[in-house]
Amino acid sequence: MKLRSLAQSRRAVAVALLLQLAGLAAISGTRAAQAEAAPAGTTSENPCVEQFRSGRSAWVECYGAFETDSSAQEELANLTFELIKGARCSGTMRVRRAALTKAVTDNGVLELDPQDILCVLATSMDASPEVVITLAPKITFRDKRALDVSPRLLRISSLPEFLIAPLRSGAESAFVRKQLLKELNRVLEQAFPR
């Protein structure tokens, strides 16, 4: 029983890492990307927050990029039988401004269309394959904050099933949802002050 819970825990951590690579970075943008976007000598605000506040377009599009750190690399290697050593992911998440605003202000549910995020994997071989992670997040709001986030991992392209299966099974874990909620609420606090 203890071995099973350890395996489930590792699986949840690895899925969280991939989802953070894919979804969180794209939803919130990274500090490095924010710093690059800001003119020298100014403070940078999250570009997603700027888009939420601007109200100029029908869509809010947030670009982000993320690379695994050493602890994430170790977890990915353990989960994938030492085949995947790390990853660099980037992409843009899109959401209709009206749907987002309505869900946030009406304590509603927002279901995003499928979103593709590109990841370049560092492997134990000489190859660095590219994979596409497709998510269709579902977010429940209350009091202008995310109450629940379901990443709804639809597919990971170009990986063998024995690598995809453990990642898919942990995608909806409490650990993953907590990580997604934390990052999303950080952005919402800036975009939709109470």
Protein backbone atom coordinates (compact mmCIF):
# COMPACT_ATOMS: atom_id res chain seq x y z
CA MET A 1 0.00 0.00 0.00
CA LYS A 2 2.84 2.42 0.84
CA LEU A 3 4.50 1.73 -2.53
CA ARG A 4 1.25 2.53 -4.31
CA SER A 5 0.86 5.88 -2.53
CA LEU A 6 4.49 6.76 -3.30
CA ALA A 7 3.93 5.96 -6.96
CA GLN A 8 0.72 8.02 -7.00
CA SER A 9 2.52 10.90 -5.29
CA ARG A 10 5.36 10.83 -7.83
CA ARG A 11 2.86 10.64 -10.66
CA ALA A 12 0.96 13.66 -9.30
CA VAL A 13 4.16 15.67 -8.94
CA ALA A 14 5.28 14.86 -12.48
CA VAL A 15 1.90 15.72 -13.92
CA ALA A 16 1.93 18.96 -11.96
CA LEU A 17 5.30 19.76 -13.44
CA LEU A 18 4.16 19.14 -17.00
CA LEU A 19 0.94 21.06 -16.46
CA GLN A 20 2.82 23.92 -14.91
CA LEU A 21 5.12 23.84 -17.90
CA ALA A 22 2.17 23.87 -20.25
CA GLY A 23 -0.75 25.61 -18.67
CA LEU A 24 0.44 27.84 -15.89
CA ALA A 25 3.24 29.41 -17.83
CA ALA A 26 0.89 30.15 -20.67
CA ILE A 27 -1.87 31.50 -18.44
CA SER A 28 0.27 33.75 -16.31
CA GLY A 29 3.44 34.45 -18.28
CA THR A 30 6.85 34.11 -16.71
CA ARG A 31 8.85 36.70 -14.84
CA ALA A 32 11.55 36.50 -17.52
CA ALA A 33 9.02 37.10 -20.30
CA GLN A 34 7.53 39.99 -18.30
CA ALA A 35 10.95 41.51 -17.75
CA GLU A 36 11.76 41.29 -21.46
CA ALA A 37 8.49 43.04 -22.32
CA ALA A 38 9.09 45.96 -19.96
CA PRO A 39 11.18 48.92 -21.07
CA ALA A 40 14.44 49.39 -19.17
CA GLY A 41 14.01 51.23 -15.89
CA THR A 42 10.30 50.45 -15.50
CA THR A 43 8.46 47.92 -13.42
CA SER A 44 6.73 45.22 -15.39
CA GLU A 45 3.21 44.10 -14.76
CA ASN A 46 2.05 40.70 -15.91
CA PRO A 47 1.05 41.13 -19.60
CA CYS A 48 -2.06 39.02 -18.97
CA VAL A 49 -3.20 41.41 -16.25
CA GLU A 50 -2.65 44.32 -18.63
CA GLN A 51 -4.86 42.57 -21.20
CA PHE A 52 -7.59 41.83 -18.64
CA ARG A 53 -7.67 45.49 -17.63
CA SER A 54 -7.39 47.03 -21.09
CA GLY A 55 -10.75 45.83 -22.39
CA ARG A 56 -9.68 46.47 -25.99
CA SER A 57 -10.09 43.10 -27.67
CA ALA A 58 -12.59 40.25 -27.73
CA TRP A 59 -9.85 37.79 -26.75
CA VAL A 60 -7.33 37.71 -23.93
CA GLU A 61 -4.17 35.94 -25.08
CA CYS A 62 -1.41 35.18 -22.62
CA TYR A 63 1.97 33.89 -23.72
CA GLY A 64 4.31 32.18 -21.33
CA ALA A 65 7.41 30.03 -21.26
CA PHE A 66 8.83 27.75 -18.60
CA GLU A 67 11.78 25.43 -18.10
CA THR A 68 12.10 22.68 -15.50
CA ASP A 69 14.37 23.27 -12.54
CA SER A 70 16.64 20.57 -11.07
CA SER A 71 14.00 19.08 -8.74
CA ALA A 72 11.44 18.97 -11.56
CA GLN A 73 14.00 17.33 -13.82
CA GLU A 74 14.63 14.63 -11.21
CA GLU A 75 10.90 13.90 -10.84
CA LEU A 76 10.37 13.71 -14.61
CA ALA A 77 13.31 11.33 -14.93
CA ASN A 78 11.98 9.08 -12.14
CA LEU A 79 8.49 8.96 -13.58
CA THR A 80 9.60 8.26 -17.15
CA PHE A 81 12.18 5.57 -16.42
CA GLU A 82 15.04 8.06 -16.96
CA LEU A 83 13.91 8.74 -20.55
CA ILE A 84 12.78 12.36 -20.04
CA LYS A 85 15.23 14.54 -18.12
CA GLY A 86 13.58 17.95 -18.44
CA ALA A 87 11.45 20.19 -20.62
CA ARG A 88 11.10 23.69 -22.02
CA CYS A 89 7.51 24.64 -22.83
CA SER A 90 5.81 27.69 -24.25
CA GLY A 91 2.55 28.71 -25.75
CA THR A 92 -0.40 31.03 -25.74
CA MET A 93 -3.65 30.45 -23.87
CA ARG A 94 -6.69 32.19 -25.36
CA VAL A 95 -9.99 33.00 -23.71
CA ARG A 96 -12.90 35.20 -24.76
CA ARG A 97 -12.86 38.34 -22.60
CA ALA A 98 -16.66 38.39 -22.22
CA ALA A 99 -16.80 34.75 -21.12
CA LEU A 100 -13.99 35.24 -18.61
CA THR A 101 -15.49 38.43 -17.16
CA LYS A 102 -18.95 36.83 -16.89
CA ALA A 103 -17.61 33.71 -15.17
CA VAL A 104 -15.53 35.75 -12.70
CA THR A 105 -18.24 38.30 -11.82
CA ASP A 106 -21.19 35.84 -11.80
CA ASN A 107 -19.50 33.06 -9.78
CA GLY A 108 -19.68 30.92 -12.88
CA VAL A 109 -17.79 28.20 -14.71
CA LEU A 110 -15.44 28.89 -17.61
CA GLU A 111 -14.62 26.09 -20.04
CA LEU A 112 -11.73 26.96 -22.34
CA ASP A 113 -11.45 25.61 -25.83
CA PRO A 114 -8.61 23.11 -26.34
CA GLN A 115 -5.25 24.88 -26.10
CA ASP A 116 -1.98 23.52 -27.51
CA ILE A 117 1.34 24.12 -25.75
CA LEU A 118 4.66 23.13 -27.34
CA CYS A 119 7.30 21.42 -25.18
CA VAL A 120 10.85 20.46 -26.15
CA LEU A 121 11.97 17.51 -24.05
CA ALA A 122 15.49 16.86 -22.82
CA THR A 123 16.02 13.11 -23.03
CA SER A 124 18.65 10.56 -22.05
CA MET A 125 19.31 10.08 -25.77
CA ASP A 126 20.77 12.61 -28.19
CA ALA A 127 17.29 13.61 -29.35
CA SER A 128 15.23 16.57 -28.12
CA PRO A 129 11.72 15.70 -29.31
CA GLU A 130 8.96 18.25 -29.46
CA VAL A 131 5.57 17.31 -28.04
CA VAL A 132 2.28 19.17 -28.01
CA ILE A 133 0.24 19.09 -24.81
CA THR A 134 -3.44 19.82 -25.38
CA LEU A 135 -5.45 21.11 -22.44
CA ALA A 136 -9.06 22.30 -22.18
CA PRO A 137 -9.17 23.81 -18.68
CA LYS A 138 -12.42 24.16 -16.76
CA ILE A 139 -12.40 26.82 -14.04
CA THR A 140 -15.03 27.44 -11.36
CA PHE A 141 -15.14 30.94 -9.82
CA ARG A 142 -16.46 32.37 -6.55
CA ASP A 143 -15.95 35.90 -5.21
CA LYS A 144 -13.67 36.87 -8.13
CA ARG A 145 -11.27 34.01 -7.41
CA ALA A 146 -10.82 30.55 -8.90
CA LEU A 147 -12.38 27.95 -6.62
CA ASP A 148 -11.47 24.91 -8.71
CA VAL A 149 -9.38 24.25 -11.81
CA SER A 150 -9.57 21.08 -13.85
CA PRO A 151 -6.77 21.01 -16.44
CA ARG A 152 -8.59 18.44 -18.59
CA LEU A 153 -5.51 17.02 -20.28
CA LEU A 154 -6.77 15.88 -23.68
CA ARG A 155 -3.58 14.55 -25.24
CA ILE A 156 0.17 14.59 -25.38
CA SER A 157 1.42 14.07 -28.90
CA SER A 158 4.43 12.06 -29.98
CA LEU A 159 5.06 10.12 -26.76
CA PRO A 160 4.61 6.38 -26.30
CA GLU A 161 1.54 5.37 -24.31
CA PHE A 162 3.61 3.96 -21.43
CA LEU A 163 4.89 7.51 -20.82
CA ILE A 164 1.53 9.22 -21.38
CA ALA A 165 -0.56 6.91 -19.20
CA PRO A 166 0.97 7.83 -15.81
CA LEU A 167 0.87 11.53 -16.69
CA ARG A 168 -2.76 11.38 -17.77
CA SER A 169 -3.85 9.48 -14.66
CA GLY A 170 -2.46 12.13 -12.33
CA ALA A 171 -3.70 15.17 -14.25
CA GLU A 172 -6.75 15.68 -12.07
CA SER A 173 -5.01 15.12 -8.72
CA ALA A 174 -5.58 17.47 -5.79
CA PHE A 175 -1.90 18.43 -5.92
CA VAL A 176 -2.13 19.57 -9.55
CA ARG A 177 -5.34 21.49 -8.97
CA LYS A 178 -3.84 23.26 -5.96
CA GLN A 179 -0.84 24.39 -8.00
CA LEU A 180 -3.05 25.65 -10.82
CA LEU A 181 -5.35 27.48 -8.38
CA LYS A 182 -2.45 29.21 -6.68
CA GLU A 183 -1.01 30.61 -9.91
CA LEU A 184 -4.35 31.54 -11.46
CA ASN A 185 -5.52 33.33 -8.30
CA ARG A 186 -2.27 35.30 -8.20
CA VAL A 187 -3.14 36.70 -11.63
CA LEU A 188 -6.83 37.20 -10.78
CA GLU A 189 -5.96 39.21 -7.66
CA GLN A 190 -4.22 41.74 -9.89
CA ALA A 191 -6.74 41.70 -12.72
CA PHE A 192 -9.97 41.65 -10.70
CA PRO A 193 -9.39 43.35 -7.34
CA ARG A 194 -12.16 42.75 -4.83
